[in-house]
Amino acid sequence: MKVIGITGGVGAGKSEVLDYLAQKHNCRVIKADRAAHQLEEPGGACFEPLVALLGDDILDAAGKIDRQKMAARIFGNAALLQKVNDIVHPAVKQYLLSEIAKEKESGKRDFLFIEAALLIEEGYAKIVDALWYICADENVRRHRLKVSRGYTDEKIDAILKSQLAEEEFRKHCGVVIENNGALAGVYEQIEKELGEDQWQK
């Protein structure tokens, strides 16, 4: 089984790529943000540390972490955000390592795809067999974000500023999937990559 990390900037179309992979290949797809949400549930590895850090007032009536309350508590406080990341990111990585080990032991799948915005920054290159960069031109990404999510130019500017530059993604990722046009072209690129002899070893 090959483990492939999927990354790219916001609006690049990572979700479409992952949906296609899940439908067409014998694989499992794990999204790091969903894994984080699971770990932040009561009983999860991040729940008690986050409540201890941020206080009981981030909980909802059911005793679960309210994401909007947590976001409001962190907003504008870089030091607090770093402390939250120091809790969540290592826990997510540990979860992913555990899932990789389980999938390899089962031997049932050809691929495990891991999607995360911070694959490069968090050193995931050391735990995957390859990194794929899903990319699209900035004007295409901006249009998608306005249409699909209703984001303003100001919000898009802030998000783009916080993410890695194009050259950083390309420097660290061995495979680049261009997603500027029709999805058929994207699927063709994917099949070319997965059909290479290296994946059959």
N, C-alpha and C. Protein backbone atom coordinates (compact mmCIF):
# COMPACT_ATOMS: atom_id res chain seq x y z
N MET A 1 0.84 -1.21 0.00
CA MET A 1 0.00 0.00 0.00
C MET A 1 0.87 1.25 0.00
N LYS A 2 0.53 2.18 -0.86
CA LYS A 2 1.25 3.45 -0.93
C LYS A 2 0.46 4.52 -0.17
N VAL A 3 1.19 5.36 0.56
CA VAL A 3 0.58 6.46 1.30
C VAL A 3 0.92 7.76 0.57
N ILE A 4 -0.12 8.48 0.15
CA ILE A 4 0.08 9.70 -0.64
C ILE A 4 -0.56 10.88 0.07
N GLY A 5 0.22 11.93 0.27
CA GLY A 5 -0.29 13.16 0.87
C GLY A 5 -0.80 14.09 -0.21
N ILE A 6 -1.98 14.65 0.03
CA ILE A 6 -2.61 15.59 -0.91
C ILE A 6 -2.65 16.96 -0.26
N THR A 7 -2.06 17.96 -0.92
CA THR A 7 -2.10 19.30 -0.36
C THR A 7 -2.31 20.32 -1.47
N GLY A 8 -2.44 21.58 -1.08
CA GLY A 8 -2.70 22.65 -2.04
C GLY A 8 -3.42 23.79 -1.38
N GLY A 9 -3.42 24.93 -2.01
CA GLY A 9 -4.05 26.11 -1.45
C GLY A 9 -5.57 26.02 -1.49
N VAL A 10 -6.21 26.91 -0.76
CA VAL A 10 -7.67 26.95 -0.71
C VAL A 10 -8.22 27.25 -2.10
N GLY A 11 -9.28 26.55 -2.48
CA GLY A 11 -9.90 26.77 -3.78
C GLY A 11 -9.24 26.04 -4.93
N ALA A 12 -8.24 25.21 -4.63
CA ALA A 12 -7.53 24.50 -5.70
C ALA A 12 -8.31 23.30 -6.21
N GLY A 13 -9.28 22.83 -5.41
CA GLY A 13 -10.10 21.70 -5.85
C GLY A 13 -9.67 20.36 -5.29
N LYS A 14 -9.10 20.37 -4.11
CA LYS A 14 -8.65 19.11 -3.48
C LYS A 14 -9.82 18.15 -3.24
N SER A 15 -10.97 18.68 -2.87
CA SER A 15 -12.13 17.83 -2.57
C SER A 15 -12.57 17.03 -3.79
N GLU A 16 -12.57 17.66 -4.98
CA GLU A 16 -12.96 16.94 -6.20
C GLU A 16 -11.98 15.81 -6.49
N VAL A 17 -10.71 16.06 -6.27
CA VAL A 17 -9.69 15.04 -6.48
C VAL A 17 -9.90 13.86 -5.52
N LEU A 18 -10.15 14.17 -4.26
CA LEU A 18 -10.35 13.13 -3.26
C LEU A 18 -11.62 12.33 -3.52
N ASP A 19 -12.68 13.01 -3.93
CA ASP A 19 -13.93 12.31 -4.26
C ASP A 19 -13.71 11.33 -5.39
N TYR A 20 -12.97 11.75 -6.40
CA TYR A 20 -12.69 10.89 -7.55
C TYR A 20 -11.87 9.67 -7.11
N LEU A 21 -10.83 9.91 -6.34
CA LEU A 21 -9.97 8.82 -5.87
C LEU A 21 -10.77 7.79 -5.07
N ALA A 22 -11.65 8.29 -4.20
CA ALA A 22 -12.44 7.40 -3.35
C ALA A 22 -13.38 6.53 -4.18
N GLN A 23 -13.89 7.08 -5.28
CA GLN A 23 -14.83 6.36 -6.14
C GLN A 23 -14.15 5.37 -7.08
N LYS A 24 -12.97 5.72 -7.54
CA LYS A 24 -12.34 4.97 -8.63
C LYS A 24 -11.23 4.01 -8.22
N HIS A 25 -10.74 4.15 -7.00
CA HIS A 25 -9.59 3.33 -6.61
C HIS A 25 -9.83 2.61 -5.29
N ASN A 26 -9.11 1.52 -5.11
CA ASN A 26 -9.18 0.75 -3.88
C ASN A 26 -8.33 1.46 -2.84
N CYS A 27 -8.95 2.43 -2.18
CA CYS A 27 -8.18 3.30 -1.30
C CYS A 27 -9.02 3.78 -0.12
N ARG A 28 -8.34 4.40 0.80
CA ARG A 28 -9.01 5.11 1.89
C ARG A 28 -8.54 6.54 1.85
N VAL A 29 -9.46 7.47 2.11
CA VAL A 29 -9.12 8.90 2.15
C VAL A 29 -9.33 9.40 3.57
N ILE A 30 -8.31 10.03 4.11
CA ILE A 30 -8.43 10.65 5.44
C ILE A 30 -8.18 12.14 5.31
N LYS A 31 -9.11 12.94 5.78
CA LYS A 31 -8.93 14.39 5.81
C LYS A 31 -8.50 14.80 7.22
N ALA A 32 -7.37 15.49 7.29
CA ALA A 32 -6.79 15.83 8.59
C ALA A 32 -7.73 16.70 9.43
N ASP A 33 -8.48 17.60 8.77
CA ASP A 33 -9.36 18.47 9.55
C ASP A 33 -10.51 17.67 10.18
N ARG A 34 -10.99 16.65 9.48
CA ARG A 34 -12.04 15.81 10.05
C ARG A 34 -11.49 14.96 11.19
N ALA A 35 -10.24 14.51 11.03
CA ALA A 35 -9.60 13.76 12.10
C ALA A 35 -9.47 14.64 13.35
N ALA A 36 -9.12 15.90 13.13
CA ALA A 36 -8.99 16.84 14.25
C ALA A 36 -10.33 17.01 14.96
N HIS A 37 -11.41 17.12 14.19
CA HIS A 37 -12.74 17.27 14.78
C HIS A 37 -13.09 16.06 15.65
N GLN A 38 -12.74 14.87 15.18
CA GLN A 38 -13.00 13.65 15.96
C GLN A 38 -12.22 13.68 17.28
N LEU A 39 -10.97 14.12 17.19
CA LEU A 39 -10.11 14.14 18.38
C LEU A 39 -10.53 15.22 19.38
N GLU A 40 -11.32 16.19 18.90
CA GLU A 40 -11.80 17.26 19.78
C GLU A 40 -13.15 16.93 20.41
N GLU A 41 -13.71 15.77 20.05
CA GLU A 41 -14.96 15.33 20.68
C GLU A 41 -14.67 14.85 22.11
N PRO A 42 -15.68 14.87 23.00
CA PRO A 42 -15.47 14.34 24.35
C PRO A 42 -14.90 12.92 24.31
N GLY A 43 -13.85 12.69 25.05
CA GLY A 43 -13.18 11.39 25.03
C GLY A 43 -12.02 11.35 24.06
N GLY A 44 -11.95 12.30 23.14
CA GLY A 44 -10.85 12.37 22.18
C GLY A 44 -9.61 12.93 22.83
N ALA A 45 -8.47 12.71 22.18
CA ALA A 45 -7.18 13.09 22.76
C ALA A 45 -7.04 14.59 23.00
N CYS A 46 -7.74 15.40 22.20
CA CYS A 46 -7.58 16.85 22.30
C CYS A 46 -8.61 17.53 23.22
N PHE A 47 -9.68 16.82 23.57
CA PHE A 47 -10.79 17.46 24.27
C PHE A 47 -10.38 18.09 25.61
N GLU A 48 -9.87 17.29 26.50
CA GLU A 48 -9.53 17.80 27.83
C GLU A 48 -8.42 18.85 27.78
N PRO A 49 -7.35 18.65 27.01
CA PRO A 49 -6.32 19.69 26.94
C PRO A 49 -6.85 21.03 26.41
N LEU A 50 -7.76 21.00 25.42
CA LEU A 50 -8.31 22.24 24.88
C LEU A 50 -9.21 22.94 25.89
N VAL A 51 -10.03 22.17 26.61
CA VAL A 51 -10.90 22.76 27.62
C VAL A 51 -10.06 23.34 28.75
N ALA A 52 -9.00 22.65 29.13
CA ALA A 52 -8.11 23.15 30.18
C ALA A 52 -7.44 24.45 29.75
N LEU A 53 -7.10 24.54 28.47
CA LEU A 53 -6.43 25.74 27.94
C LEU A 53 -7.39 26.92 27.77
N LEU A 54 -8.57 26.64 27.19
CA LEU A 54 -9.48 27.71 26.78
C LEU A 54 -10.63 27.97 27.75
N GLY A 55 -10.91 27.01 28.64
CA GLY A 55 -11.97 27.22 29.62
C GLY A 55 -13.28 26.54 29.24
N ASP A 56 -14.11 26.30 30.25
CA ASP A 56 -15.40 25.62 30.05
C ASP A 56 -16.37 26.42 29.18
N ASP A 57 -16.13 27.72 29.04
CA ASP A 57 -17.07 28.55 28.28
C ASP A 57 -17.01 28.30 26.78
N ILE A 58 -16.11 27.41 26.32
CA ILE A 58 -16.11 27.05 24.88
C ILE A 58 -17.02 25.85 24.63
N LEU A 59 -17.63 25.31 25.68
CA LEU A 59 -18.51 24.15 25.53
C LEU A 59 -19.94 24.57 25.25
N ASP A 60 -20.66 23.71 24.50
CA ASP A 60 -22.08 23.97 24.26
C ASP A 60 -22.91 23.29 25.35
N ALA A 61 -24.22 23.33 25.20
CA ALA A 61 -25.12 22.79 26.23
C ALA A 61 -24.94 21.29 26.42
N ALA A 62 -24.47 20.61 25.38
CA ALA A 62 -24.29 19.16 25.46
C ALA A 62 -22.91 18.77 25.99
N GLY A 63 -22.09 19.77 26.30
CA GLY A 63 -20.77 19.49 26.83
C GLY A 63 -19.72 19.23 25.77
N LYS A 64 -20.04 19.58 24.53
CA LYS A 64 -19.07 19.44 23.44
C LYS A 64 -18.44 20.79 23.13
N ILE A 65 -17.28 20.75 22.50
CA ILE A 65 -16.63 22.00 22.11
C ILE A 65 -17.42 22.67 21.00
N ASP A 66 -17.79 23.92 21.22
CA ASP A 66 -18.49 24.73 20.23
C ASP A 66 -17.42 25.43 19.38
N ARG A 67 -17.36 25.07 18.10
CA ARG A 67 -16.28 25.58 17.25
C ARG A 67 -16.31 27.10 17.12
N GLN A 68 -17.50 27.66 17.05
CA GLN A 68 -17.59 29.12 16.93
C GLN A 68 -17.09 29.81 18.19
N LYS A 69 -17.43 29.24 19.34
CA LYS A 69 -16.94 29.80 20.61
C LYS A 69 -15.43 29.66 20.71
N MET A 70 -14.92 28.51 20.28
CA MET A 70 -13.48 28.31 20.33
C MET A 70 -12.76 29.28 19.39
N ALA A 71 -13.31 29.46 18.18
CA ALA A 71 -12.71 30.39 17.21
C ALA A 71 -12.71 31.82 17.76
N ALA A 72 -13.82 32.20 18.40
CA ALA A 72 -13.92 33.55 18.97
C ALA A 72 -12.91 33.75 20.09
N ARG A 73 -12.70 32.70 20.86
CA ARG A 73 -11.75 32.77 21.99
C ARG A 73 -10.32 32.95 21.50
N ILE A 74 -10.00 32.32 20.36
CA ILE A 74 -8.65 32.35 19.82
C ILE A 74 -8.40 33.59 18.95
N PHE A 75 -9.45 34.11 18.36
CA PHE A 75 -9.33 35.16 17.33
C PHE A 75 -8.43 36.31 17.79
N GLY A 76 -7.43 36.62 16.94
CA GLY A 76 -6.57 37.76 17.20
C GLY A 76 -5.48 37.51 18.24
N ASN A 77 -5.42 36.28 18.76
CA ASN A 77 -4.42 35.96 19.80
C ASN A 77 -3.48 34.89 19.25
N ALA A 78 -2.38 35.34 18.65
CA ALA A 78 -1.45 34.43 17.98
C ALA A 78 -0.83 33.43 18.96
N ALA A 79 -0.55 33.87 20.16
CA ALA A 79 0.07 32.99 21.16
C ALA A 79 -0.87 31.87 21.56
N LEU A 80 -2.15 32.21 21.72
CA LEU A 80 -3.15 31.21 22.10
C LEU A 80 -3.39 30.23 20.95
N LEU A 81 -3.43 30.76 19.74
CA LEU A 81 -3.59 29.91 18.56
C LEU A 81 -2.45 28.90 18.48
N GLN A 82 -1.23 29.35 18.76
CA GLN A 82 -0.08 28.45 18.73
C GLN A 82 -0.22 27.35 19.76
N LYS A 83 -0.74 27.69 20.93
CA LYS A 83 -0.93 26.68 21.98
C LYS A 83 -1.99 25.65 21.56
N VAL A 84 -3.04 26.13 20.89
CA VAL A 84 -4.06 25.20 20.38
C VAL A 84 -3.45 24.28 19.33
N ASN A 85 -2.67 24.86 18.42
CA ASN A 85 -2.03 24.05 17.38
C ASN A 85 -1.06 23.04 17.98
N ASP A 86 -0.40 23.42 19.06
CA ASP A 86 0.54 22.51 19.72
C ASP A 86 -0.17 21.33 20.36
N ILE A 87 -1.46 21.48 20.63
CA ILE A 87 -2.27 20.37 21.14
C ILE A 87 -2.80 19.52 19.99
N VAL A 88 -3.37 20.19 18.99
CA VAL A 88 -4.10 19.49 17.93
C VAL A 88 -3.18 18.81 16.91
N HIS A 89 -2.19 19.51 16.40
CA HIS A 89 -1.38 18.97 15.31
C HIS A 89 -0.63 17.68 15.67
N PRO A 90 0.04 17.61 16.83
CA PRO A 90 0.71 16.34 17.17
C PRO A 90 -0.29 15.19 17.36
N ALA A 91 -1.46 15.50 17.90
CA ALA A 91 -2.48 14.46 18.10
C ALA A 91 -2.99 13.93 16.77
N VAL A 92 -3.19 14.82 15.81
CA VAL A 92 -3.64 14.42 14.47
C VAL A 92 -2.56 13.56 13.80
N LYS A 93 -1.31 13.98 13.92
CA LYS A 93 -0.23 13.21 13.30
C LYS A 93 -0.14 11.82 13.92
N GLN A 94 -0.30 11.72 15.23
CA GLN A 94 -0.26 10.42 15.90
C GLN A 94 -1.41 9.53 15.43
N TYR A 95 -2.60 10.15 15.28
CA TYR A 95 -3.76 9.41 14.77
C TYR A 95 -3.49 8.88 13.37
N LEU A 96 -2.92 9.72 12.52
CA LEU A 96 -2.64 9.32 11.14
C LEU A 96 -1.61 8.19 11.09
N LEU A 97 -0.58 8.29 11.90
CA LEU A 97 0.43 7.23 11.94
C LEU A 97 -0.21 5.90 12.36
N SER A 98 -1.12 5.98 13.32
CA SER A 98 -1.83 4.78 13.78
C SER A 98 -2.69 4.19 12.68
N GLU A 99 -3.39 5.05 11.94
CA GLU A 99 -4.26 4.58 10.85
C GLU A 99 -3.44 4.00 9.70
N ILE A 100 -2.30 4.61 9.40
CA ILE A 100 -1.42 4.08 8.36
C ILE A 100 -0.97 2.67 8.73
N ALA A 101 -0.56 2.50 9.99
CA ALA A 101 -0.11 1.19 10.46
C ALA A 101 -1.23 0.15 10.35
N LYS A 102 -2.45 0.54 10.72
CA LYS A 102 -3.60 -0.38 10.64
C LYS A 102 -3.87 -0.79 9.20
N GLU A 103 -3.84 0.19 8.28
CA GLU A 103 -4.14 -0.11 6.88
C GLU A 103 -3.06 -0.99 6.26
N LYS A 104 -1.81 -0.73 6.61
CA LYS A 104 -0.72 -1.56 6.07
C LYS A 104 -0.83 -2.99 6.58
N GLU A 105 -1.21 -3.12 7.83
CA GLU A 105 -1.33 -4.45 8.42
C GLU A 105 -2.48 -5.23 7.80
N SER A 106 -3.57 -4.54 7.49
CA SER A 106 -4.74 -5.21 6.91
C SER A 106 -4.47 -5.67 5.48
N GLY A 107 -3.67 -4.89 4.75
CA GLY A 107 -3.31 -5.26 3.39
C GLY A 107 -4.47 -5.24 2.40
N LYS A 108 -5.53 -4.54 2.74
CA LYS A 108 -6.74 -4.57 1.91
C LYS A 108 -6.78 -3.47 0.85
N ARG A 109 -5.98 -2.43 1.01
CA ARG A 109 -6.09 -1.29 0.09
C ARG A 109 -4.79 -1.07 -0.68
N ASP A 110 -4.94 -0.48 -1.86
CA ASP A 110 -3.78 -0.15 -2.68
C ASP A 110 -3.16 1.18 -2.27
N PHE A 111 -4.02 2.11 -1.84
CA PHE A 111 -3.55 3.45 -1.50
C PHE A 111 -4.24 3.98 -0.25
N LEU A 112 -3.52 4.84 0.47
CA LEU A 112 -4.11 5.64 1.53
C LEU A 112 -3.76 7.09 1.22
N PHE A 113 -4.80 7.91 1.02
CA PHE A 113 -4.59 9.33 0.71
C PHE A 113 -4.87 10.16 1.96
N ILE A 114 -3.95 11.02 2.29
CA ILE A 114 -4.10 11.91 3.43
C ILE A 114 -4.14 13.35 2.93
N GLU A 115 -5.23 14.04 3.23
CA GLU A 115 -5.36 15.45 2.80
C GLU A 115 -5.22 16.37 3.99
N ALA A 116 -4.32 17.34 3.88
CA ALA A 116 -4.16 18.33 4.94
C ALA A 116 -3.55 19.60 4.35
N ALA A 117 -3.99 20.73 4.87
CA ALA A 117 -3.47 22.01 4.38
C ALA A 117 -2.01 22.20 4.78
N LEU A 118 -1.61 21.60 5.91
CA LEU A 118 -0.27 21.84 6.45
C LEU A 118 0.66 20.63 6.31
N LEU A 119 0.46 19.83 5.29
CA LEU A 119 1.30 18.64 5.11
C LEU A 119 2.78 18.99 5.08
N ILE A 120 3.12 20.05 4.39
CA ILE A 120 4.52 20.43 4.25
C ILE A 120 5.05 21.02 5.54
N GLU A 121 4.31 21.98 6.10
CA GLU A 121 4.75 22.66 7.31
C GLU A 121 4.89 21.71 8.50
N GLU A 122 4.04 20.68 8.55
CA GLU A 122 4.05 19.76 9.68
C GLU A 122 4.94 18.53 9.46
N GLY A 123 5.71 18.55 8.37
CA GLY A 123 6.68 17.49 8.15
C GLY A 123 6.11 16.15 7.73
N TYR A 124 4.96 16.15 7.06
CA TYR A 124 4.33 14.89 6.66
C TYR A 124 5.10 14.18 5.55
N ALA A 125 6.02 14.88 4.90
CA ALA A 125 6.81 14.24 3.85
C ALA A 125 7.55 13.02 4.39
N LYS A 126 7.81 13.01 5.70
CA LYS A 126 8.55 11.91 6.32
C LYS A 126 7.67 10.67 6.54
N ILE A 127 6.35 10.84 6.50
CA ILE A 127 5.48 9.69 6.79
C ILE A 127 4.63 9.25 5.59
N VAL A 128 4.80 9.90 4.44
CA VAL A 128 4.09 9.48 3.23
C VAL A 128 5.10 9.07 2.17
N ASP A 129 4.61 8.31 1.19
CA ASP A 129 5.48 7.88 0.10
C ASP A 129 5.63 8.94 -0.98
N ALA A 130 4.65 9.83 -1.07
CA ALA A 130 4.70 10.90 -2.07
C ALA A 130 3.78 12.04 -1.65
N LEU A 131 4.13 13.24 -2.08
CA LEU A 131 3.29 14.41 -1.85
C LEU A 131 2.77 14.90 -3.19
N TRP A 132 1.47 15.09 -3.27
CA TRP A 132 0.84 15.65 -4.46
C TRP A 132 0.37 17.07 -4.17
N TYR A 133 0.66 17.96 -5.10
CA TYR A 133 0.21 19.35 -4.99
C TYR A 133 -0.91 19.57 -5.99
N ILE A 134 -2.11 19.85 -5.49
CA ILE A 134 -3.24 20.19 -6.35
C ILE A 134 -3.24 21.70 -6.51
N CYS A 135 -3.11 22.17 -7.73
CA CYS A 135 -2.97 23.62 -7.91
C CYS A 135 -3.92 24.17 -8.97
N ALA A 136 -4.18 25.46 -8.85
CA ALA A 136 -4.99 26.19 -9.82
C ALA A 136 -4.53 27.63 -9.78
N ASP A 137 -4.70 28.34 -10.90
CA ASP A 137 -4.32 29.75 -10.95
C ASP A 137 -5.09 30.55 -9.91
N GLU A 138 -4.48 31.62 -9.43
CA GLU A 138 -5.11 32.40 -8.36
C GLU A 138 -6.47 32.96 -8.78
N ASN A 139 -6.59 33.42 -10.03
CA ASN A 139 -7.88 33.98 -10.46
C ASN A 139 -8.97 32.90 -10.47
N VAL A 140 -8.59 31.65 -10.79
CA VAL A 140 -9.54 30.53 -10.78
C VAL A 140 -9.96 30.23 -9.35
N ARG A 141 -9.01 30.20 -8.45
CA ARG A 141 -9.31 29.92 -7.04
C ARG A 141 -10.19 31.01 -6.44
N ARG A 142 -9.87 32.24 -6.77
CA ARG A 142 -10.69 33.36 -6.25
C ARG A 142 -12.14 33.24 -6.71
N HIS A 143 -12.32 32.92 -7.98
CA HIS A 143 -13.66 32.78 -8.53
C HIS A 143 -14.41 31.65 -7.82
N ARG A 144 -13.76 30.52 -7.63
CA ARG A 144 -14.39 29.38 -6.95
C ARG A 144 -14.82 29.76 -5.53
N LEU A 145 -13.95 30.44 -4.82
CA LEU A 145 -14.24 30.79 -3.43
C LEU A 145 -15.40 31.78 -3.32
N LYS A 146 -15.50 32.67 -4.29
CA LYS A 146 -16.61 33.62 -4.28
C LYS A 146 -17.93 32.92 -4.59
N VAL A 147 -17.88 32.02 -5.59
CA VAL A 147 -19.11 31.34 -6.03
C VAL A 147 -19.55 30.27 -5.04
N SER A 148 -18.62 29.41 -4.61
CA SER A 148 -18.99 28.25 -3.79
C SER A 148 -19.13 28.58 -2.31
N ARG A 149 -18.36 29.54 -1.84
CA ARG A 149 -18.37 29.83 -0.40
C ARG A 149 -18.82 31.24 -0.05
N GLY A 150 -18.98 32.07 -1.06
CA GLY A 150 -19.44 33.43 -0.82
C GLY A 150 -18.41 34.32 -0.13
N TYR A 151 -17.13 33.99 -0.29
CA TYR A 151 -16.07 34.77 0.36
C TYR A 151 -15.89 36.13 -0.29
N THR A 152 -15.54 37.13 0.51
CA THR A 152 -15.24 38.46 0.00
C THR A 152 -13.78 38.50 -0.46
N ASP A 153 -13.43 39.53 -1.23
CA ASP A 153 -12.04 39.68 -1.66
C ASP A 153 -11.11 39.81 -0.46
N GLU A 154 -11.58 40.52 0.57
CA GLU A 154 -10.76 40.73 1.76
C GLU A 154 -10.46 39.40 2.46
N LYS A 155 -11.49 38.56 2.58
CA LYS A 155 -11.29 37.27 3.23
C LYS A 155 -10.36 36.39 2.42
N ILE A 156 -10.54 36.40 1.10
CA ILE A 156 -9.68 35.60 0.23
C ILE A 156 -8.23 36.08 0.34
N ASP A 157 -8.04 37.41 0.35
CA ASP A 157 -6.69 37.97 0.49
C ASP A 157 -6.02 37.46 1.76
N ALA A 158 -6.77 37.48 2.85
CA ALA A 158 -6.22 37.06 4.15
C ALA A 158 -5.83 35.59 4.13
N ILE A 159 -6.69 34.75 3.52
CA ILE A 159 -6.41 33.32 3.47
C ILE A 159 -5.18 33.04 2.60
N LEU A 160 -5.13 33.65 1.43
CA LEU A 160 -4.01 33.42 0.53
C LEU A 160 -2.69 33.88 1.16
N LYS A 161 -2.74 34.96 1.90
CA LYS A 161 -1.54 35.49 2.55
C LYS A 161 -1.01 34.53 3.60
N SER A 162 -1.93 33.77 4.22
CA SER A 162 -1.54 32.86 5.31
C SER A 162 -1.00 31.53 4.82
N GLN A 163 -1.15 31.25 3.52
CA GLN A 163 -0.75 29.95 2.99
C GLN A 163 0.61 30.01 2.30
N LEU A 164 1.19 28.84 2.10
CA LEU A 164 2.50 28.76 1.45
C LEU A 164 2.44 29.32 0.03
N ALA A 165 3.56 29.85 -0.40
CA ALA A 165 3.67 30.36 -1.77
C ALA A 165 3.72 29.19 -2.75
N GLU A 166 3.33 29.48 -3.98
CA GLU A 166 3.30 28.47 -5.05
C GLU A 166 4.63 27.72 -5.16
N GLU A 167 5.74 28.47 -5.13
CA GLU A 167 7.05 27.82 -5.30
C GLU A 167 7.39 26.87 -4.16
N GLU A 168 6.88 27.15 -2.95
CA GLU A 168 7.13 26.26 -1.81
C GLU A 168 6.40 24.93 -2.00
N PHE A 169 5.14 25.01 -2.43
CA PHE A 169 4.39 23.79 -2.72
C PHE A 169 5.12 22.95 -3.77
N ARG A 170 5.52 23.60 -4.85
CA ARG A 170 6.15 22.88 -5.96
C ARG A 170 7.51 22.30 -5.55
N LYS A 171 8.21 22.98 -4.67
CA LYS A 171 9.53 22.52 -4.23
C LYS A 171 9.44 21.22 -3.43
N HIS A 172 8.37 21.09 -2.65
CA HIS A 172 8.26 19.94 -1.75
C HIS A 172 7.45 18.77 -2.31
N CYS A 173 6.65 19.03 -3.34
CA CYS A 173 5.75 17.98 -3.86
C CYS A 173 6.29 17.39 -5.16
N GLY A 174 6.38 16.08 -5.20
CA GLY A 174 6.92 15.41 -6.38
C GLY A 174 5.94 15.33 -7.53
N VAL A 175 4.64 15.47 -7.24
CA VAL A 175 3.61 15.39 -8.27
C VAL A 175 2.76 16.66 -8.22
N VAL A 176 2.54 17.25 -9.38
CA VAL A 176 1.69 18.44 -9.48
C VAL A 176 0.50 18.12 -10.37
N ILE A 177 -0.71 18.30 -9.82
CA ILE A 177 -1.94 18.09 -10.57
C ILE A 177 -2.57 19.45 -10.84
N GLU A 178 -2.65 19.82 -12.12
CA GLU A 178 -3.21 21.13 -12.49
C GLU A 178 -4.73 21.03 -12.57
N ASN A 179 -5.42 21.94 -11.91
CA ASN A 179 -6.89 21.89 -11.86
C ASN A 179 -7.49 23.25 -12.21
N ASN A 180 -7.21 23.68 -13.42
CA ASN A 180 -7.73 24.97 -13.87
C ASN A 180 -8.99 24.86 -14.73
N GLY A 181 -9.19 23.69 -15.33
CA GLY A 181 -10.29 23.58 -16.28
C GLY A 181 -11.23 22.43 -15.99
N ALA A 182 -11.55 21.67 -17.04
CA ALA A 182 -12.50 20.56 -16.91
C ALA A 182 -11.91 19.45 -16.04
N LEU A 183 -12.78 18.83 -15.24
CA LEU A 183 -12.33 17.77 -14.34
C LEU A 183 -11.80 16.55 -15.09
N ALA A 184 -12.26 16.35 -16.32
CA ALA A 184 -11.78 15.22 -17.11
C ALA A 184 -10.26 15.27 -17.26
N GLY A 185 -9.75 16.47 -17.43
CA GLY A 185 -8.30 16.64 -17.56
C GLY A 185 -7.58 16.33 -16.26
N VAL A 186 -8.20 16.66 -15.15
CA VAL A 186 -7.64 16.36 -13.83
C VAL A 186 -7.59 14.85 -13.62
N TYR A 187 -8.69 14.18 -13.95
CA TYR A 187 -8.76 12.73 -13.79
C TYR A 187 -7.70 12.03 -14.64
N GLU A 188 -7.47 12.57 -15.82
CA GLU A 188 -6.46 11.99 -16.72
C GLU A 188 -5.07 12.08 -16.09
N GLN A 189 -4.78 13.23 -15.47
CA GLN A 189 -3.48 13.40 -14.79
C GLN A 189 -3.33 12.40 -13.64
N ILE A 190 -4.42 12.23 -12.88
CA ILE A 190 -4.40 11.31 -11.75
C ILE A 190 -4.11 9.89 -12.21
N GLU A 191 -4.83 9.45 -13.24
CA GLU A 191 -4.66 8.09 -13.73
C GLU A 191 -3.25 7.87 -14.28
N LYS A 192 -2.69 8.88 -14.89
CA LYS A 192 -1.31 8.77 -15.40
C LYS A 192 -0.35 8.54 -14.24
N GLU A 193 -0.55 9.29 -13.15
CA GLU A 193 0.33 9.14 -11.98
C GLU A 193 0.16 7.78 -11.32
N LEU A 194 -1.06 7.36 -11.13
CA LEU A 194 -1.31 6.09 -10.43
C LEU A 194 -1.02 4.88 -11.30
N GLY A 195 -0.92 5.11 -12.60
CA GLY A 195 -0.63 4.01 -13.51
C GLY A 195 0.85 3.77 -13.72
N GLU A 196 1.67 4.69 -13.18
CA GLU A 196 3.11 4.54 -13.36
C GLU A 196 3.61 3.27 -12.66
N ASP A 197 4.66 2.69 -13.21
CA ASP A 197 5.20 1.45 -12.67
C ASP A 197 5.61 1.54 -11.22
N GLN A 198 6.01 2.75 -10.78
CA GLN A 198 6.50 2.90 -9.40
C GLN A 198 5.44 2.49 -8.38
N TRP A 199 4.15 2.65 -8.72
CA TRP A 199 3.12 2.35 -7.74
C TRP A 199 2.84 0.85 -7.64
N GLN A 200 3.33 0.11 -8.60
CA GLN A 200 3.06 -1.33 -8.57
C GLN A 200 4.13 -2.11 -7.80
N LYS A 201 5.17 -1.40 -7.36
CA LYS A 201 6.27 -2.08 -6.67
C LYS A 201 5.87 -2.43 -5.25
